[in-house]
Amino acid sequence: AVFNLFTVGTRLGGDAARRMEAVRLAEAELESLKAAPYGAVVATGEPRQVSGQYDTYEVTLAVDEHDRGKTVTVTVLYRERDRERAVTLTMERGRP
């Protein structure tokens, strides 16, 4: 029973580490876009692969332009055991 508890705890800890890394990658992407010139903030089109400490992640950038500026959405896909998971963060970027 103790060994089983250790196995489950280790697996859940690994899942949490992957999720936190996905959040960190999405936050880093948004921070770099905050610092970029307004005109350079455009959708990437194709997802890109990013190697992390625990896994390889797929990062997608979507940009929706509207009258007040741009809505920027970063989605990071990763695998958690046998399922695909996603972390999505969004920011508003005002016109200059």
Protein backbone atom coordinates (compact mmCIF):
# COMPACT_ATOMS: atom_id res chain seq x y z
CA ALA A 1 0.00 0.00 0.00
CA VAL A 2 2.83 2.42 0.83
CA PHE A 3 4.62 1.63 -2.44
CA ASN A 4 1.38 2.20 -4.39
CA LEU A 5 0.91 5.57 -2.66
CA PHE A 6 4.49 6.53 -3.59
CA THR A 7 3.88 5.57 -7.24
CA VAL A 8 0.66 7.60 -7.44
CA GLY A 9 2.30 10.58 -5.73
CA THR A 10 5.27 10.49 -8.09
CA ARG A 11 2.99 10.33 -11.14
CA LEU A 12 0.84 13.22 -9.93
CA GLY A 13 3.97 15.25 -9.16
CA GLY A 14 5.20 14.70 -12.73
CA ASP A 15 1.83 15.79 -14.12
CA ALA A 16 1.94 18.97 -12.04
CA ALA A 17 5.50 19.70 -13.19
CA ARG A 18 4.47 19.40 -16.86
CA ARG A 19 1.49 21.68 -16.31
CA MET A 20 3.59 24.29 -14.50
CA GLU A 21 6.15 24.19 -17.30
CA ALA A 22 3.36 24.69 -19.87
CA VAL A 23 2.11 27.71 -17.87
CA ARG A 24 5.65 29.10 -17.68
CA LEU A 25 6.10 28.73 -21.46
CA ALA A 26 2.78 30.49 -22.16
CA GLU A 27 3.65 33.33 -19.74
CA ALA A 28 7.08 33.76 -21.33
CA GLU A 29 5.49 33.98 -24.78
CA LEU A 30 3.05 36.68 -23.63
CA GLU A 31 5.85 38.64 -21.93
CA SER A 32 7.92 38.64 -25.12
CA LEU A 33 4.88 39.85 -27.07
CA LYS A 34 4.33 42.68 -24.57
CA ALA A 35 7.84 43.91 -25.32
CA ALA A 36 7.51 43.50 -29.11
CA PRO A 37 6.49 46.38 -31.38
CA TYR A 38 2.71 46.49 -31.93
CA GLY A 39 3.02 45.60 -35.63
CA ALA A 40 5.14 42.55 -34.86
CA VAL A 41 2.37 40.92 -32.81
CA VAL A 42 0.87 38.57 -35.41
CA ALA A 43 -0.42 35.00 -35.40
CA THR A 44 2.23 32.37 -36.09
CA GLY A 45 -0.03 30.22 -38.26
CA GLU A 46 1.66 26.89 -37.63
CA PRO A 47 2.24 25.55 -34.12
CA ARG A 48 5.88 25.34 -33.10
CA GLN A 49 7.58 22.68 -31.01
CA VAL A 50 9.36 23.82 -27.85
CA SER A 51 11.55 21.47 -25.82
CA GLY A 52 11.11 21.85 -22.10
CA GLN A 53 12.67 20.25 -19.08
CA TYR A 54 10.01 17.52 -18.87
CA ASP A 55 8.57 17.19 -22.36
CA THR A 56 8.16 18.72 -25.80
CA TYR A 57 5.35 21.26 -26.00
CA GLU A 58 3.39 22.64 -28.94
CA VAL A 59 2.89 26.42 -28.82
CA THR A 60 0.25 28.20 -30.91
CA LEU A 61 -0.28 31.95 -31.10
CA ALA A 62 -3.60 33.48 -32.20
CA VAL A 63 -4.12 37.21 -32.66
CA ASP A 64 -7.53 38.83 -33.12
CA GLU A 65 -7.37 42.48 -34.14
CA HIS A 66 -10.24 44.78 -33.18
CA ASP A 67 -10.87 48.53 -32.96
CA ARG A 68 -9.19 48.88 -29.51
CA GLY A 69 -6.14 46.76 -30.32
CA LYS A 70 -5.40 43.04 -30.34
CA THR A 71 -6.46 40.04 -28.31
CA VAL A 72 -3.49 37.68 -28.10
CA THR A 73 -4.02 34.04 -27.13
CA VAL A 74 -1.20 31.58 -26.47
CA THR A 75 -2.04 27.88 -26.25
CA VAL A 76 0.49 25.31 -25.08
CA LEU A 77 -0.34 21.64 -25.70
CA TYR A 78 1.35 18.83 -23.78
CA ARG A 79 0.78 15.18 -22.88
CA GLU A 80 -0.20 14.05 -19.42
CA ARG A 81 0.04 10.28 -19.28
CA ASP A 82 -2.20 9.18 -22.16
CA ARG A 83 -4.14 12.44 -22.65
CA GLU A 84 -3.43 15.68 -24.42
CA ARG A 85 -3.78 18.75 -22.20
CA ALA A 86 -3.75 22.46 -22.95
CA VAL A 87 -2.92 25.67 -21.14
CA THR A 88 -4.34 28.82 -22.72
CA LEU A 89 -3.49 32.37 -21.63
CA THR A 90 -4.88 35.56 -23.15
CA MET A 91 -3.89 39.23 -23.01
CA GLU A 92 -5.17 42.44 -24.51
CA ARG A 93 -2.68 44.60 -26.37
CA GLY A 94 -3.87 48.18 -26.86
CA ARG A 95 -3.12 50.27 -29.90
CA PRO A 96 -0.10 52.58 -29.59
